[in-house]
């Protein structure tokens, strides 16, 4: 079965210039954990998760945390602090998706098999992949649940 047959293509996305206030409203209104950031031509530029939103509270410690992750003998990382003194009402308008999005994300072609998508998830330690069409533009998202549901549907467990 192909990815295009089981992806979620009715995905809410934001543009690079979308303000933090709008991003938070989207996360509050909808029950999902990842928000793709799409450029003006339809290509994926990055993704926003709750981690990127909380980085607004911890500008220095987020960068330090990323550096500490590269130290192989360090087993535990310090807990991030949520520092409210950095938060101002203006940030809701001035901080935009482009500034907080994560540029590292994993993709799969809509023409790939779900077996390939599953293998990519396992290899990359993720439960969601951004799906690209034949032109490399954003087409949707496929998650672990989409794959499992498709297999159940194919075997007649669900309709």
Protein backbone atom coordinates (compact mmCIF):
# COMPACT_ATOMS: atom_id res chain seq x y z
CA UNK A 1 0.00 0.00 0.00
CA UNK A 2 1.23 3.49 -0.89
CA UNK A 3 1.64 6.39 1.53
CA UNK A 4 -0.75 8.50 -0.56
CA UNK A 5 -3.54 6.01 0.26
CA UNK A 6 -3.31 6.46 4.02
CA UNK A 7 -1.79 9.88 4.76
CA UNK A 8 -3.60 12.68 6.52
CA UNK A 9 -3.89 15.34 3.84
CA UNK A 10 -6.39 17.65 5.51
CA UNK A 11 -3.58 19.09 7.63
CA UNK A 12 -3.60 22.50 9.25
CA UNK A 13 -0.42 24.36 8.34
CA UNK A 14 1.03 27.79 9.01
CA UNK A 15 3.27 30.09 7.00
CA UNK A 16 6.69 31.33 8.09
CA UNK A 17 5.29 34.69 9.19
CA UNK A 18 2.46 33.30 11.34
CA UNK A 19 2.62 34.96 14.78
CA UNK A 20 3.04 32.97 17.99
CA UNK A 21 -0.43 34.02 19.16
CA UNK A 22 -2.05 32.32 16.15
CA UNK A 23 0.13 29.21 16.56
CA UNK A 24 -0.90 28.85 20.20
CA UNK A 25 -4.57 29.30 19.26
CA UNK A 26 -4.25 26.51 16.66
CA UNK A 27 -2.69 24.12 19.19
CA UNK A 28 -5.42 24.99 21.72
CA UNK A 29 -8.26 24.44 19.24
CA UNK A 30 -7.02 21.22 17.60
CA UNK A 31 -5.78 17.96 19.03
CA UNK A 32 -2.49 17.24 17.29
CA UNK A 33 1.16 17.50 18.22
CA UNK A 34 2.89 18.85 15.13
CA UNK A 35 2.25 21.88 12.95
CA UNK A 36 3.98 22.05 9.54
CA UNK A 37 5.35 25.41 8.42
CA UNK A 38 4.91 25.88 4.67
CA UNK A 39 6.58 28.48 2.47
CA UNK A 40 4.79 30.54 -0.19
CA UNK A 41 5.42 27.94 -2.92
CA UNK A 42 4.04 25.00 -0.91
CA UNK A 43 7.34 23.51 0.25
CA UNK A 44 7.80 22.53 3.87
CA UNK A 45 10.12 24.87 5.74
CA UNK A 46 9.93 23.29 9.19
CA UNK A 47 7.66 22.01 11.91
CA UNK A 48 6.46 23.33 15.24
CA UNK A 49 5.77 21.13 18.25
CA UNK A 50 5.12 21.94 21.88
CA UNK A 51 8.91 21.87 22.42
CA UNK A 52 9.38 24.80 20.05
CA UNK A 53 6.63 26.78 21.77
CA UNK A 54 8.17 26.21 25.21
CA UNK A 55 11.53 27.38 23.84
CA UNK A 56 10.04 30.89 23.92
CA UNK A 57 10.22 30.63 27.73
CA UNK A 58 13.82 29.46 27.77
CA UNK A 59 15.90 31.16 25.09
CA UNK A 60 19.32 30.42 26.58
CA UNK A 61 18.66 27.03 28.16
CA UNK A 62 17.22 25.62 24.92
CA UNK A 63 20.49 26.30 23.10
CA UNK A 64 22.56 24.95 25.98
CA UNK A 65 20.37 21.83 26.10
CA UNK A 66 21.07 21.14 22.42
CA UNK A 67 24.81 21.44 23.04
CA UNK A 68 24.64 19.16 26.09
CA UNK A 69 22.88 16.46 24.03
CA UNK A 70 26.06 16.08 21.97
CA UNK A 71 28.15 15.04 24.98
CA UNK A 72 28.18 11.22 24.87
CA UNK A 73 28.98 10.55 28.53
CA UNK A 74 26.27 12.86 29.88
CA UNK A 75 23.37 10.60 30.89
CA UNK A 76 20.92 13.13 32.25
CA UNK A 77 20.20 16.63 31.09
CA UNK A 78 19.13 19.45 33.38
CA UNK A 79 15.41 20.12 33.42
CA UNK A 80 14.51 23.21 31.41
CA UNK A 81 13.28 26.20 33.34
CA UNK A 82 10.13 27.98 32.32
CA UNK A 83 11.08 31.61 32.75
CA UNK A 84 8.06 33.90 32.59
CA UNK A 85 10.13 37.10 32.74
CA UNK A 86 10.96 36.69 29.05
CA UNK A 87 7.30 36.58 28.11
CA UNK A 88 5.64 39.86 27.10
CA UNK A 89 2.32 40.52 25.34
CA UNK A 90 4.21 41.78 22.29
CA UNK A 91 5.75 38.34 21.79
CA UNK A 92 2.36 37.05 20.65
CA UNK A 93 2.69 39.23 17.59
CA UNK A 94 6.45 39.68 17.19
CA UNK A 95 7.60 36.04 17.49
CA UNK A 96 6.78 34.22 14.25
CA UNK A 97 6.83 30.61 13.10
CA UNK A 98 10.10 31.07 11.21
CA UNK A 99 11.90 31.95 14.46
CA UNK A 100 10.73 28.97 16.51
CA UNK A 101 10.22 26.19 13.95
CA UNK A 102 12.41 23.14 13.93
CA UNK A 103 14.20 22.76 10.60
CA UNK A 104 15.00 19.09 11.17
CA UNK A 105 12.13 16.83 10.18
CA UNK A 106 11.80 13.59 8.27
CA UNK A 107 10.02 13.14 4.97
CA UNK A 108 8.66 10.40 2.76
CA UNK A 109 7.28 10.50 -0.77
CA UNK A 110 3.57 9.99 -1.24
CA UNK A 111 4.51 7.26 -3.75
CA UNK A 112 6.56 5.29 -1.21
CA UNK A 113 5.09 2.21 0.44
CA UNK A 114 3.85 2.31 4.01
CA UNK A 115 6.52 -0.30 4.78
CA UNK A 116 9.17 2.24 3.74
CA UNK A 117 7.46 4.95 5.79
CA UNK A 118 7.40 2.63 8.82
CA UNK A 119 11.08 1.75 8.34
CA UNK A 120 11.94 5.45 8.13
CA UNK A 121 10.05 6.13 11.36
CA UNK A 122 11.90 3.34 13.16
CA UNK A 123 15.30 4.38 11.77
CA UNK A 124 14.81 8.04 12.67
CA UNK A 125 13.08 7.52 16.02
CA UNK A 126 9.94 9.41 15.06
CA UNK A 127 6.25 8.61 14.89
CA UNK A 128 5.38 11.09 12.15
CA UNK A 129 6.72 11.94 8.70
CA UNK A 130 6.01 14.87 6.42
CA UNK A 131 4.74 13.60 3.06
CA UNK A 132 5.97 15.21 -0.16
CA UNK A 133 4.42 15.01 -3.61
CA UNK A 134 6.32 14.35 -6.84
CA UNK A 135 7.47 17.98 -6.98
CA UNK A 136 8.79 17.91 -3.40
CA UNK A 137 5.92 20.03 -2.10
CA UNK A 138 4.07 19.33 1.13
CA UNK A 139 1.26 16.84 0.60
CA UNK A 140 0.32 15.77 4.13
CA UNK A 141 1.45 13.86 7.19
CA UNK A 142 1.66 10.18 7.90
CA UNK A 143 1.86 8.98 11.45
CA UNK A 144 2.23 5.61 13.10
CA UNK A 145 -1.54 5.48 13.70
CA UNK A 146 -2.21 6.08 9.99
CA UNK A 147 -0.06 3.08 9.11
CA UNK A 148 -1.63 0.83 11.75
CA UNK A 149 -5.15 1.89 10.78
CA UNK A 150 -4.41 1.23 7.09
CA UNK A 151 -3.15 -2.26 7.87
CA UNK A 152 -6.25 -2.98 9.99
CA UNK A 153 -8.47 -1.66 7.20
CA UNK A 154 -6.65 -3.73 4.58
CA UNK A 155 -7.15 -6.91 6.66
CA UNK A 156 -10.83 -6.14 7.30
CA UNK A 157 -10.47 -5.48 11.01
CA UNK A 158 -11.99 -2.00 10.51
CA UNK A 159 -13.94 -0.50 7.61
